[in-house]
Amino acid sequence: MPRTSLLLPLLLTSLLCCRPSRARLTVSPSSSQFYIGDFVSLSCEEGNSSAGWTLRRNTSKETRTQCGNHNDSWGEGAGSSCDITYGVQWDSGVYWCESREGPISNMVKLTVTGGSVILQSPVLPVMEGDDVTLLCKTKTTPSNLPAAFYKDGSLIRKQPTGHMTIQHVSRSDEGLYKCDISGHGESPSSWITVTEKPITAAPPASTPPPALPPLLAVLAFGSVCVLVLLVLLVLVMRECVCRKLEADQEAGEDAITDDTTYSEIKIAQEPQQTAREARETPSKPEVIYSSVKKLTRPTTDDQAIRPECI
């Protein structure tokens, strides 16, 4: 049992990995309803290749019959394609593609009617958000007569030209549709399938600059703070130096008195006299002459240039 429980997931994985890709059945003209005598072409497509697939159908008279030139076959086969050259009512049924390995494609229901009114609608599922056009036409001319369109048995609207467009279909638009042309009759019903739109990744917006790591952010903030502190310190020191220079200058000026008098004393000696001259000339007191100069404080214009703070 333990070995079996281990081998079972491995077997399922190998089967999923080796499963052949799914083909798609296409119909031309792209419609699910046809008149008796119409030409219909069916083809199995798998990527860019259509090899290895067989067309089969179920009708009211036969089951899983293959397209080809066999006694119990239908249509004219050529590889993975098959043509119904002249449609008849018993060609109405469900069609699909099948491979030898077993997988099948999407199934398509085709209706061949002997009536005079058909509804041309998408034969393949439509995607959400797409526009879908339904055409109600008659076999006689003119074919685009006023028509009434129904969904699941309820009237949707009446159109004067025989066609109706459903814009931006959603899952609520999925259902059974038919149309009616007054005086000509009613079409068979056709099922319209709506599939979800695949989610696509939104284009990347402009990439924001990468955030700095926490350490770098702290270092950058610290560097800015240190730079600001240095600038403030330089400004404070400059202010202190300027104030000191101004204080020293004012102190030097205060040391100078308002009026300072300087005297220059010169002693002049008279020439020596003879004894006779000394007796005849009366004695004179000794006189001392001095030259006095008055220095005043220099004016503003004559002051020495004091150091200034810039």
C-alpha atoms as a PDB file:
ATOM      1  CA  MET A   1       0.000   0.000   0.000  1.00  0.00           C
ATOM      2  CA  PRO A   2       2.720   2.591   0.791  1.00  0.00           C
ATOM      3  CA  ARG A   3       4.352   1.921  -2.561  1.00  0.00           C
ATOM      4  CA  THR A   4       0.996   2.281  -4.338  1.00  0.00           C
ATOM      5  CA  SER A   5       0.256   5.590  -2.591  1.00  0.00           C
ATOM      6  CA  LEU A   6       3.610   6.909  -3.778  1.00  0.00           C
ATOM      7  CA  LEU A   7       3.244   5.701  -7.358  1.00  0.00           C
ATOM      8  CA  LEU A   8      -0.282   7.069  -7.862  1.00  0.00           C
ATOM      9  CA  PRO A   9       0.655  10.794  -7.760  1.00  0.00           C
ATOM     10  CA  LEU A  10       3.620  10.065 -10.027  1.00  0.00           C
ATOM     11  CA  LEU A  11       1.363   8.306 -12.532  1.00  0.00           C
ATOM     12  CA  LEU A  12      -1.157  11.170 -12.546  1.00  0.00           C
ATOM     13  CA  THR A  13       1.622  13.703 -13.057  1.00  0.00           C
ATOM     14  CA  SER A  14       3.051  11.776 -15.998  1.00  0.00           C
ATOM     15  CA  LEU A  15      -0.385  11.526 -17.608  1.00  0.00           C
ATOM     16  CA  LEU A  16      -0.978  15.259 -17.277  1.00  0.00           C
ATOM     17  CA  CYS A  17       2.449  16.080 -18.669  1.00  0.00           C
ATOM     18  CA  CYS A  18       2.045  13.785 -21.647  1.00  0.00           C
ATOM     19  CA  ARG A  19      -1.544  14.815 -22.443  1.00  0.00           C
ATOM     20  CA  PRO A  20      -1.875  16.045 -26.035  1.00  0.00           C
ATOM     21  CA  SER A  21      -2.884  19.655 -26.549  1.00  0.00           C
ATOM     22  CA  ARG A  22      -6.536  20.366 -27.318  1.00  0.00           C
ATOM     23  CA  ALA A  23      -7.674  21.221 -30.824  1.00  0.00           C
ATOM     24  CA  ARG A  24     -10.331  23.729 -31.818  1.00  0.00           C
ATOM     25  CA  LEU A  25     -13.217  23.095 -34.187  1.00  0.00           C
ATOM     26  CA  THR A  26     -13.968  25.962 -36.578  1.00  0.00           C
ATOM     27  CA  VAL A  27     -16.987  26.353 -38.843  1.00  0.00           C
ATOM     28  CA  SER A  28     -17.212  28.321 -42.085  1.00  0.00           C
ATOM     29  CA  PRO A  29     -19.388  30.290 -42.617  1.00  0.00           C
ATOM     30  CA  SER A  30     -19.256  31.226 -38.917  1.00  0.00           C
ATOM     31  CA  SER A  31     -22.835  30.418 -37.976  1.00  0.00           C
ATOM     32  CA  SER A  32     -24.699  27.735 -36.110  1.00  0.00           C
ATOM     33  CA  GLN A  33     -27.783  27.746 -38.361  1.00  0.00           C
ATOM     34  CA  PHE A  34     -28.010  26.930 -42.080  1.00  0.00           C
ATOM     35  CA  TYR A  35     -30.618  26.413 -44.756  1.00  0.00           C
ATOM     36  CA  ILE A  36     -31.092  23.131 -46.557  1.00  0.00           C
ATOM     37  CA  GLY A  37     -28.631  23.025 -49.439  1.00  0.00           C
ATOM     38  CA  ASP A  38     -26.017  25.305 -47.810  1.00  0.00           C
ATOM     39  CA  PHE A  39     -22.296  24.480 -47.963  1.00  0.00           C
ATOM     40  CA  VAL A  40     -20.569  24.034 -44.588  1.00  0.00           C
ATOM     41  CA  SER A  41     -16.845  23.490 -43.969  1.00  0.00           C
ATOM     42  CA  LEU A  42     -15.485  22.168 -40.671  1.00  0.00           C
ATOM     43  CA  SER A  43     -11.836  21.991 -39.610  1.00  0.00           C
ATOM     44  CA  CYS A  44      -9.816  20.838 -36.600  1.00  0.00           C
ATOM     45  CA  GLU A  45      -6.985  23.222 -35.734  1.00  0.00           C
ATOM     46  CA  GLU A  46      -4.210  22.701 -33.227  1.00  0.00           C
ATOM     47  CA  GLY A  47      -1.860  25.651 -33.240  1.00  0.00           C
ATOM     48  CA  ASN A  48      -0.414  25.826 -36.746  1.00  0.00           C
ATOM     49  CA  SER A  49      -1.187  22.176 -37.491  1.00  0.00           C
ATOM     50  CA  SER A  50      -4.343  20.164 -38.117  1.00  0.00           C
ATOM     51  CA  ALA A  51      -2.813  16.711 -38.420  1.00  0.00           C
ATOM     52  CA  GLY A  52      -3.865  13.757 -36.273  1.00  0.00           C
ATOM     53  CA  TRP A  53      -7.474  14.779 -35.620  1.00  0.00           C
ATOM     54  CA  THR A  54     -10.718  13.205 -36.811  1.00  0.00           C
ATOM     55  CA  LEU A  55     -14.106  14.898 -37.167  1.00  0.00           C
ATOM     56  CA  ARG A  56     -17.056  13.137 -35.559  1.00  0.00           C
ATOM     57  CA  ARG A  57     -20.697  13.966 -34.913  1.00  0.00           C
ATOM     58  CA  ASN A  58     -23.851  12.890 -33.105  1.00  0.00           C
ATOM     59  CA  THR A  59     -27.176  13.383 -34.840  1.00  0.00           C
ATOM     60  CA  SER A  60     -30.714  12.131 -34.388  1.00  0.00           C
ATOM     61  CA  LYS A  61     -29.867   9.174 -36.673  1.00  0.00           C
ATOM     62  CA  GLU A  62     -26.252   8.300 -35.830  1.00  0.00           C
ATOM     63  CA  THR A  63     -23.692   8.418 -33.025  1.00  0.00           C
ATOM     64  CA  ARG A  64     -19.946   9.131 -33.218  1.00  0.00           C
ATOM     65  CA  THR A  65     -19.837   8.724 -36.947  1.00  0.00           C
ATOM     66  CA  GLN A  66     -16.667   9.823 -38.667  1.00  0.00           C
ATOM     67  CA  CYS A  67     -16.254  12.160 -41.603  1.00  0.00           C
ATOM     68  CA  GLY A  68     -14.795  10.447 -44.644  1.00  0.00           C
ATOM     69  CA  ASN A  69     -15.370   8.217 -47.588  1.00  0.00           C
ATOM     70  CA  HIS A  70     -16.774   5.228 -45.700  1.00  0.00           C
ATOM     71  CA  ASN A  71     -20.095   3.468 -45.843  1.00  0.00           C
ATOM     72  CA  ASP A  72     -21.222   4.834 -42.490  1.00  0.00           C
ATOM     73  CA  SER A  73     -19.467   8.182 -42.826  1.00  0.00           C
ATOM     74  CA  TRP A  74     -20.722  11.620 -43.751  1.00  0.00           C
ATOM     75  CA  GLY A  75     -19.253  14.537 -45.654  1.00  0.00           C
ATOM     76  CA  GLU A  76     -16.115  14.679 -47.737  1.00  0.00           C
ATOM     77  CA  GLY A  77     -13.008  14.420 -45.601  1.00  0.00           C
ATOM     78  CA  ALA A  78      -9.522  15.677 -46.360  1.00  0.00           C
ATOM     79  CA  GLY A  79      -7.166  15.219 -43.420  1.00  0.00           C
ATOM     80  CA  SER A  80      -8.601  16.978 -40.387  1.00  0.00           C
ATOM     81  CA  SER A  81     -11.155  18.920 -42.434  1.00  0.00           C
ATOM     82  CA  CYS A  82     -14.597  17.935 -43.606  1.00  0.00           C
ATOM     83  CA  ASP A  83     -17.071  19.572 -46.009  1.00  0.00           C
ATOM     84  CA  ILE A  84     -20.821  19.212 -46.096  1.00  0.00           C
ATOM     85  CA  THR A  85     -21.491  20.125 -49.693  1.00  0.00           C
ATOM     86  CA  TYR A  86     -25.268  20.026 -49.484  1.00  0.00           C
ATOM     87  CA  GLY A  87     -26.756  20.343 -46.037  1.00  0.00           C
ATOM     88  CA  VAL A  88     -29.902  18.443 -45.116  1.00  0.00           C
ATOM     89  CA  GLN A  89     -31.972  18.416 -41.965  1.00  0.00           C
ATOM     90  CA  TRP A  90     -30.446  15.198 -40.595  1.00  0.00           C
ATOM     91  CA  ASP A  91     -27.050  16.974 -40.671  1.00  0.00           C
ATOM     92  CA  SER A  92     -28.258  18.849 -37.595  1.00  0.00           C
ATOM     93  CA  GLY A  93     -26.343  17.687 -34.540  1.00  0.00           C
ATOM     94  CA  VAL A  94     -23.252  18.074 -32.381  1.00  0.00           C
ATOM     95  CA  TYR A  95     -19.800  18.081 -34.016  1.00  0.00           C
ATOM     96  CA  TRP A  96     -16.303  17.783 -32.492  1.00  0.00           C
ATOM     97  CA  CYS A  97     -12.684  16.832 -33.206  1.00  0.00           C
ATOM     98  CA  GLU A  98     -11.131  13.737 -31.669  1.00  0.00           C
ATOM     99  CA  SER A  99      -7.580  12.391 -31.571  1.00  0.00           C
ATOM    100  CA  ARG A 100      -6.308   8.829 -31.349  1.00  0.00           C
ATOM    101  CA  GLU A 101      -5.172   9.459 -27.759  1.00  0.00           C
ATOM    102  CA  GLY A 102      -8.713  10.332 -26.702  1.00  0.00           C
ATOM    103  CA  PRO A 103      -8.922  14.132 -26.073  1.00  0.00           C
ATOM    104  CA  ILE A 104     -11.610  16.027 -27.906  1.00  0.00           C
ATOM    105  CA  SER A 105     -12.073  19.631 -28.985  1.00  0.00           C
ATOM    106  CA  ASN A 106     -14.870  22.035 -28.224  1.00  0.00           C
ATOM    107  CA  MET A 107     -18.312  20.848 -29.315  1.00  0.00           C
ATOM    108  CA  VAL A 108     -20.420  22.798 -31.801  1.00  0.00           C
ATOM    109  CA  LYS A 109     -24.140  22.396 -32.370  1.00  0.00           C
ATOM    110  CA  LEU A 110     -25.248  22.967 -35.968  1.00  0.00           C
ATOM    111  CA  THR A 111     -28.830  23.270 -37.145  1.00  0.00           C
ATOM    112  CA  VAL A 112     -29.988  22.803 -40.731  1.00  0.00           C
ATOM    113  CA  THR A 113     -33.551  24.050 -41.102  1.00  0.00           C
ATOM    114  CA  GLY A 114     -36.182  23.827 -43.774  1.00  0.00           C
ATOM    115  CA  GLY A 115     -37.809  27.032 -42.566  1.00  0.00           C
ATOM    116  CA  SER A 116     -37.436  30.468 -44.100  1.00  0.00           C
ATOM    117  CA  VAL A 117     -35.864  32.275 -41.095  1.00  0.00           C
ATOM    118  CA  ILE A 118     -32.487  31.626 -39.455  1.00  0.00           C
ATOM    119  CA  LEU A 119     -30.513  33.406 -36.752  1.00  0.00           C
ATOM    120  CA  GLN A 120     -26.861  33.937 -37.540  1.00  0.00           C
ATOM    121  CA  SER A 121     -24.978  34.004 -34.247  1.00  0.00           C
ATOM    122  CA  PRO A 122     -21.409  33.195 -33.135  1.00  0.00           C
ATOM    123  CA  VAL A 123     -20.760  29.489 -33.389  1.00  0.00           C
ATOM    124  CA  LEU A 124     -17.826  29.653 -30.942  1.00  0.00           C
ATOM    125  CA  PRO A 125     -17.879  31.045 -27.393  1.00  0.00           C
ATOM    126  CA  VAL A 126     -17.481  34.812 -27.172  1.00  0.00           C
ATOM    127  CA  MET A 127     -15.289  36.592 -24.653  1.00  0.00           C
ATOM    128  CA  GLU A 128     -16.488  39.010 -22.024  1.00  0.00           C
ATOM    129  CA  GLY A 129     -16.239  42.603 -23.188  1.00  0.00           C
ATOM    130  CA  ASP A 130     -16.586  41.788 -26.895  1.00  0.00           C
ATOM    131  CA  ASP A 131     -19.423  42.996 -29.101  1.00  0.00           C
ATOM    132  CA  VAL A 132     -21.775  40.371 -30.545  1.00  0.00           C
ATOM    133  CA  THR A 133     -24.009  40.933 -33.584  1.00  0.00           C
ATOM    134  CA  LEU A 134     -27.060  38.763 -34.217  1.00  0.00           C
ATOM    135  CA  LEU A 135     -28.583  38.691 -37.708  1.00  0.00           C
ATOM    136  CA  CYS A 136     -32.111  37.522 -38.368  1.00  0.00           C
ATOM    137  CA  LYS A 137     -32.486  36.766 -42.065  1.00  0.00           C
ATOM    138  CA  THR A 138     -34.864  35.146 -44.492  1.00  0.00           C
ATOM    139  CA  LYS A 139     -34.103  32.914 -47.425  1.00  0.00           C
ATOM    140  CA  THR A 140     -35.956  35.252 -49.750  1.00  0.00           C
ATOM    141  CA  THR A 141     -35.027  38.769 -50.818  1.00  0.00           C
ATOM    142  CA  PRO A 142     -34.798  41.175 -49.058  1.00  0.00           C
ATOM    143  CA  SER A 143     -33.243  39.349 -46.150  1.00  0.00           C
ATOM    144  CA  ASN A 144     -32.846  42.293 -43.740  1.00  0.00           C
ATOM    145  CA  LEU A 145     -36.445  42.763 -42.668  1.00  0.00           C
ATOM    146  CA  PRO A 146     -37.606  44.109 -39.281  1.00  0.00           C
ATOM    147  CA  ALA A 147     -37.199  41.411 -36.648  1.00  0.00           C
ATOM    148  CA  ALA A 148     -37.864  40.760 -32.987  1.00  0.00           C
ATOM    149  CA  PHE A 149     -35.131  39.144 -30.869  1.00  0.00           C
ATOM    150  CA  TYR A 150     -35.712  36.876 -27.893  1.00  0.00           C
ATOM    151  CA  LYS A 151     -33.476  35.546 -25.110  1.00  0.00           C
ATOM    152  CA  ASP A 152     -34.619  32.539 -23.093  1.00  0.00           C
ATOM    153  CA  GLY A 153     -38.135  33.065 -24.440  1.00  0.00           C
ATOM    154  CA  SER A 154     -38.395  36.756 -23.448  1.00  0.00           C
ATOM    155  CA  LEU A 155     -38.482  39.624 -25.933  1.00  0.00           C
ATOM    156  CA  ILE A 156     -35.317  41.728 -25.882  1.00  0.00           C
ATOM    157  CA  ARG A 157     -36.087  44.306 -28.564  1.00  0.00           C
ATOM    158  CA  LYS A 158     -37.326  44.838 -32.085  1.00  0.00           C
ATOM    159  CA  GLN A 159     -34.908  46.015 -34.747  1.00  0.00           C
ATOM    160  CA  PRO A 160     -35.960  47.645 -38.053  1.00  0.00           C
ATOM    161  CA  THR A 161     -33.043  46.233 -40.052  1.00  0.00           C
ATOM    162  CA  GLY A 162     -33.019  42.660 -38.781  1.00  0.00           C
ATOM    163  CA  HIS A 163     -29.783  42.785 -36.836  1.00  0.00           C
ATOM    164  CA  MET A 164     -28.990  43.474 -33.179  1.00  0.00           C
ATOM    165  CA  THR A 165     -25.639  44.208 -31.534  1.00  0.00           C
ATOM    166  CA  ILE A 166     -24.940  43.386 -27.909  1.00  0.00           C
ATOM    167  CA  GLN A 167     -22.116  45.640 -26.799  1.00  0.00           C
ATOM    168  CA  HIS A 168     -19.580  44.533 -24.212  1.00  0.00           C
ATOM    169  CA  VAL A 169     -21.180  41.191 -23.470  1.00  0.00           C
ATOM    170  CA  SER A 170     -21.024  39.751 -19.969  1.00  0.00           C
ATOM    171  CA  ARG A 171     -21.850  36.408 -18.433  1.00  0.00           C
ATOM    172  CA  SER A 172     -25.438  37.558 -17.951  1.00  0.00           C
ATOM    173  CA  ASP A 173     -25.823  37.720 -21.748  1.00  0.00           C
ATOM    174  CA  GLU A 174     -25.261  33.974 -22.040  1.00  0.00           C
ATOM    175  CA  GLY A 175     -28.398  32.100 -23.045  1.00  0.00           C
ATOM    176  CA  LEU A 176     -30.704  30.760 -25.755  1.00  0.00           C
ATOM    177  CA  TYR A 177     -31.495  33.237 -28.546  1.00  0.00           C
ATOM    178  CA  LYS A 178     -33.977  33.233 -31.412  1.00  0.00           C
ATOM    179  CA  CYS A 179     -35.622  35.775 -33.710  1.00  0.00           C
ATOM    180  CA  ASP A 180     -38.938  36.288 -35.472  1.00  0.00           C
ATOM    181  CA  ILE A 181     -39.799  38.088 -38.699  1.00  0.00           C
ATOM    182  CA  SER A 182     -43.447  38.951 -39.062  1.00  0.00           C
ATOM    183  CA  GLY A 183     -45.026  37.107 -41.976  1.00  0.00           C
ATOM    184  CA  HIS A 184     -42.028  34.775 -42.426  1.00  0.00           C
ATOM    185  CA  GLY A 185     -41.793  32.824 -39.232  1.00  0.00           C
ATOM    186  CA  GLU A 186     -39.453  32.123 -36.359  1.00  0.00           C
ATOM    187  CA  SER A 187     -35.864  30.890 -36.387  1.00  0.00           C
ATOM    188  CA  PRO A 188     -34.525  27.883 -34.465  1.00  0.00           C
ATOM    189  CA  SER A 189     -32.891  28.654 -31.115  1.00  0.00           C
ATOM    190  CA  SER A 190     -29.119  28.927 -30.712  1.00  0.00           C
ATOM    191  CA  TRP A 191     -27.113  28.933 -27.511  1.00  0.00           C
ATOM    192  CA  ILE A 192     -24.543  31.704 -27.054  1.00  0.00           C
ATOM    193  CA  THR A 193     -21.726  30.988 -24.624  1.00  0.00           C
ATOM    194  CA  VAL A 194     -19.778  33.800 -22.918  1.00  0.00           C
ATOM    195  CA  THR A 195     -16.356  33.039 -21.451  1.00  0.00           C
ATOM    196  CA  GLU A 196     -14.421  35.023 -18.901  1.00  0.00           C
ATOM    197  CA  LYS A 197     -11.807  37.386 -20.196  1.00  0.00           C
ATOM    198  CA  PRO A 198      -8.305  36.246 -19.241  1.00  0.00           C
ATOM    199  CA  ILE A 199      -6.660  38.425 -16.654  1.00  0.00           C
ATOM    200  CA  THR A 200      -3.663  40.218 -18.072  1.00  0.00           C
ATOM    201  CA  ALA A 201      -0.996  41.746 -15.928  1.00  0.00           C
ATOM    202  CA  ALA A 202      -1.096  45.509 -15.885  1.00  0.00           C
ATOM    203  CA  PRO A 203       1.909  47.257 -17.371  1.00  0.00           C
ATOM    204  CA  PRO A 204       4.404  48.113 -14.671  1.00  0.00           C
ATOM    205  CA  ALA A 205       4.217  51.685 -13.513  1.00  0.00           C
ATOM    206  CA  SER A 206       7.275  53.847 -13.370  1.00  0.00           C
ATOM    207  CA  THR A 207       9.621  52.104 -10.985  1.00  0.00           C
ATOM    208  CA  PRO A 208      10.203  54.234  -7.895  1.00  0.00           C
ATOM    209  CA  PRO A 209      13.821  54.821  -6.939  1.00  0.00           C
ATOM    210  CA  PRO A 210      15.083  52.119  -4.603  1.00  0.00           C
ATOM    211  CA  ALA A 211      14.909  53.079  -0.961  1.00  0.00           C
ATOM    212  CA  LEU A 212      18.161  53.564   0.879  1.00  0.00           C
ATOM    213  CA  PRO A 213      19.117  50.826   3.312  1.00  0.00           C
ATOM    214  CA  PRO A 214      18.568  51.833   6.958  1.00  0.00           C
ATOM    215  CA  LEU A 215      22.307  52.139   7.652  1.00  0.00           C
ATOM    216  CA  LEU A 216      22.916  54.414   4.665  1.00  0.00           C
ATOM    217  CA  ALA A 217      19.906  56.534   5.598  1.00  0.00           C
ATOM    218  CA  VAL A 218      21.248  56.993   9.148  1.00  0.00           C
ATOM    219  CA  LEU A 219      24.718  57.878   7.844  1.00  0.00           C
ATOM    220  CA  ALA A 220      23.312  60.402   5.386  1.00  0.00           C
ATOM    221  CA  PHE A 221      21.183  62.060   8.071  1.00  0.00           C
ATOM    222  CA  GLY A 222      24.123  62.136  10.489  1.00  0.00           C
ATOM    223  CA  SER A 223      26.399  63.714   7.877  1.00  0.00           C
ATOM    224  CA  VAL A 224      23.885  66.490   7.265  1.00  0.00           C
ATOM    225  CA  CYS A 225      23.579  67.162  10.996  1.00  0.00           C
ATOM    226  CA  VAL A 226      27.375  67.313  11.451  1.00  0.00           C
ATOM    227  CA  LEU A 227      27.694  69.704   8.518  1.00  0.00           C
ATOM    228  CA  VAL A 228      25.036  72.016   9.975  1.00  0.00           C
ATOM    229  CA  LEU A 229      26.746  71.985  13.393  1.00  0.00           C
ATOM    230  CA  LEU A 230      30.111  72.837  11.818  1.00  0.00           C
ATOM    231  CA  VAL A 231      28.611  75.796   9.992  1.00  0.00           C
ATOM    232  CA  LEU A 232      26.987  77.057  13.203  1.00  0.00           C
ATOM    233  CA  LEU A 233      30.269  76.623  15.109  1.00  0.00           C
ATOM    234  CA  VAL A 234      32.193  78.628  12.513  1.00  0.00           C
ATOM    235  CA  LEU A 235      29.615  81.431  12.687  1.00  0.00           C
ATOM    236  CA  VAL A 236      29.771  81.532  16.515  1.00  0.00           C
ATOM    237  CA  MET A 237      33.596  81.610  16.547  1.00  0.00           C
ATOM    238  CA  ARG A 238      33.627  84.356  13.938  1.00  0.00           C
ATOM    239  CA  GLU A 239      31.224  86.417  16.046  1.00  0.00           C
ATOM    240  CA  CYS A 240      33.376  85.952  19.164  1.00  0.00           C
ATOM    241  CA  VAL A 241      36.581  86.974  17.358  1.00  0.00           C
ATOM    242  CA  CYS A 242      34.932  90.063  15.915  1.00  0.00           C
ATOM    243  CA  ARG A 243      33.630  91.124  19.307  1.00  0.00           C
ATOM    244  CA  LYS A 244      37.080  90.651  20.885  1.00  0.00           C
ATOM    245  CA  LEU A 245      38.757  92.767  18.198  1.00  0.00           C
ATOM    246  CA  GLU A 246      36.221  95.528  18.679  1.00  0.00           C
ATOM    247  CA  ALA A 247      36.675  95.434  22.466  1.00  0.00           C
ATOM    248  CA  ASP A 248      40.487  95.650  22.151  1.00  0.00           C
ATOM    249  CA  GLN A 249      40.199  98.564  19.763  1.00  0.00           C
ATOM    250  CA  GLU A 250      37.892 100.469  22.103  1.00  0.00           C
ATOM    251  CA  ALA A 251      40.204  99.835  25.067  1.00  0.00           C
ATOM    252  CA  GLY A 252      43.199 101.241  23.126  1.00  0.00           C
ATOM    253  CA  GLU A 253      41.347 104.365  22.212  1.00  0.00           C
ATOM    254  CA  ASP A 254      40.237 104.950  25.808  1.00  0.00           C
ATOM    255  CA  ALA A 255      43.871 104.841  26.924  1.00  0.00           C
ATOM    256  CA  ILE A 256      44.591 107.999  24.928  1.00  0.00           C
ATOM    257  CA  THR A 257      43.645 111.146  26.867  1.00  0.00           C
ATOM    258  CA  ASP A 258      41.495 113.748  25.312  1.00  0.00           C
ATOM    259  CA  ASP A 259      44.271 116.443  25.292  1.00  0.00           C
ATOM    260  CA  THR A 260      47.872 115.497  25.732  1.00  0.00           C
ATOM    261  CA  THR A 261      50.595 118.218  26.085  1.00  0.00           C
ATOM    262  CA  TYR A 262      54.153 117.346  25.300  1.00  0.00           C
ATOM    263  CA  SER A 263      57.049 119.691  26.203  1.00  0.00           C
ATOM    264  CA  GLU A 264      60.450 119.828  24.731  1.00  0.00           C
ATOM    265  CA  ILE A 265      63.009 121.468  27.028  1.00  0.00           C
ATOM    266  CA  LYS A 266      66.167 122.941  25.668  1.00  0.00           C
ATOM    267  CA  ILE A 267      68.861 124.451  27.910  1.00  0.00           C
ATOM    268  CA  ALA A 268      70.684 127.275  26.209  1.00  0.00           C
ATOM    269  CA  GLN A 269      74.017 128.370  27.651  1.00  0.00           C
ATOM    270  CA  GLU A 270      75.193 131.888  27.164  1.00  0.00           C
ATOM    271  CA  PRO A 271      78.716 132.456  25.954  1.00  0.00           C
ATOM    272  CA  GLN A 272      81.259 132.862  28.692  1.00  0.00           C
ATOM    273  CA  GLN A 273      82.143 136.457  29.639  1.00  0.00           C
ATOM    274  CA  THR A 274      85.463 137.856  30.541  1.00  0.00           C
ATOM    275  CA  ALA A 275      86.073 139.064  34.055  1.00  0.00           C
ATOM    276  CA  ARG A 276      85.766 142.641  33.005  1.00  0.00           C
ATOM    277  CA  GLU A 277      82.498 142.052  31.187  1.00  0.00           C
ATOM    278  CA  ALA A 278      81.178 140.224  34.136  1.00  0.00           C
ATOM    279  CA  ARG A 279      81.860 143.165  36.421  1.00  0.00           C
ATOM    280  CA  GLU A 280      80.375 145.668  34.056  1.00  0.00           C
ATOM    281  CA  THR A 281      77.262 143.677  33.072  1.00  0.00           C
ATOM    282  CA  PRO A 282      74.678 143.091  35.693  1.00  0.00           C
ATOM    283  CA  SER A 283      73.908 139.527  36.383  1.00  0.00           C
ATOM    284  CA  LYS A 284      70.835 137.993  34.686  1.00  0.00           C
ATOM    285  CA  PRO A 285      68.856 135.105  35.895  1.00  0.00           C
ATOM    286  CA  GLU A 286      69.195 131.905  33.966  1.00  0.00           C
ATOM    287  CA  VAL A 287      66.322 131.356  31.555  1.00  0.00           C
ATOM    288  CA  ILE A 288      65.139 128.023  30.286  1.00  0.00           C
ATOM    289  CA  TYR A 289      63.128 127.930  27.055  1.00  0.00           C
ATOM    290  CA  SER A 290      60.899 125.124  26.047  1.00  0.00           C
ATOM    291  CA  SER A 291      58.907 124.280  22.928  1.00  0.00           C
ATOM    292  CA  VAL A 292      55.396 123.075  23.650  1.00  0.00           C
ATOM    293  CA  LYS A 293      53.371 121.022  21.187  1.00  0.00           C
ATOM    294  CA  LYS A 294      49.720 120.175  21.779  1.00  0.00           C
ATOM    295  CA  LEU A 295      48.548 116.872  20.319  1.00  0.00           C
ATOM    296  CA  THR A 296      44.849 116.241  20.008  1.00  0.00           C
ATOM    297  CA  ARG A 297      42.964 112.992  19.311  1.00  0.00           C
ATOM    298  CA  PRO A 298      42.955 112.279  15.610  1.00  0.00           C
ATOM    299  CA  THR A 299      39.715 112.868  13.766  1.00  0.00           C
ATOM    300  CA  THR A 300      37.677 110.081  12.233  1.00  0.00           C
ATOM    301  CA  ASP A 301      39.241 110.565   8.820  1.00  0.00           C
ATOM    302  CA  ASP A 302      42.752 110.434  10.239  1.00  0.00           C
ATOM    303  CA  GLN A 303      42.221 107.395  12.410  1.00  0.00           C
ATOM    304  CA  ALA A 304      44.167 104.303  11.668  1.00  0.00           C
ATOM    305  CA  ILE A 305      42.149 101.605   9.908  1.00  0.00           C
ATOM    306  CA  ARG A 306      40.808  99.285  12.539  1.00  0.00           C
ATOM    307  CA  PRO A 307      40.423  95.597  11.744  1.00  0.00           C
ATOM    308  CA  GLU A 308      36.895  94.777  10.694  1.00  0.00           C
ATOM    309  CA  CYS A 309      34.971  91.517  10.767  1.00  0.00           C
ATOM    310  CA  ILE A 310      33.673  90.447   7.423  1.00  0.00           C
END
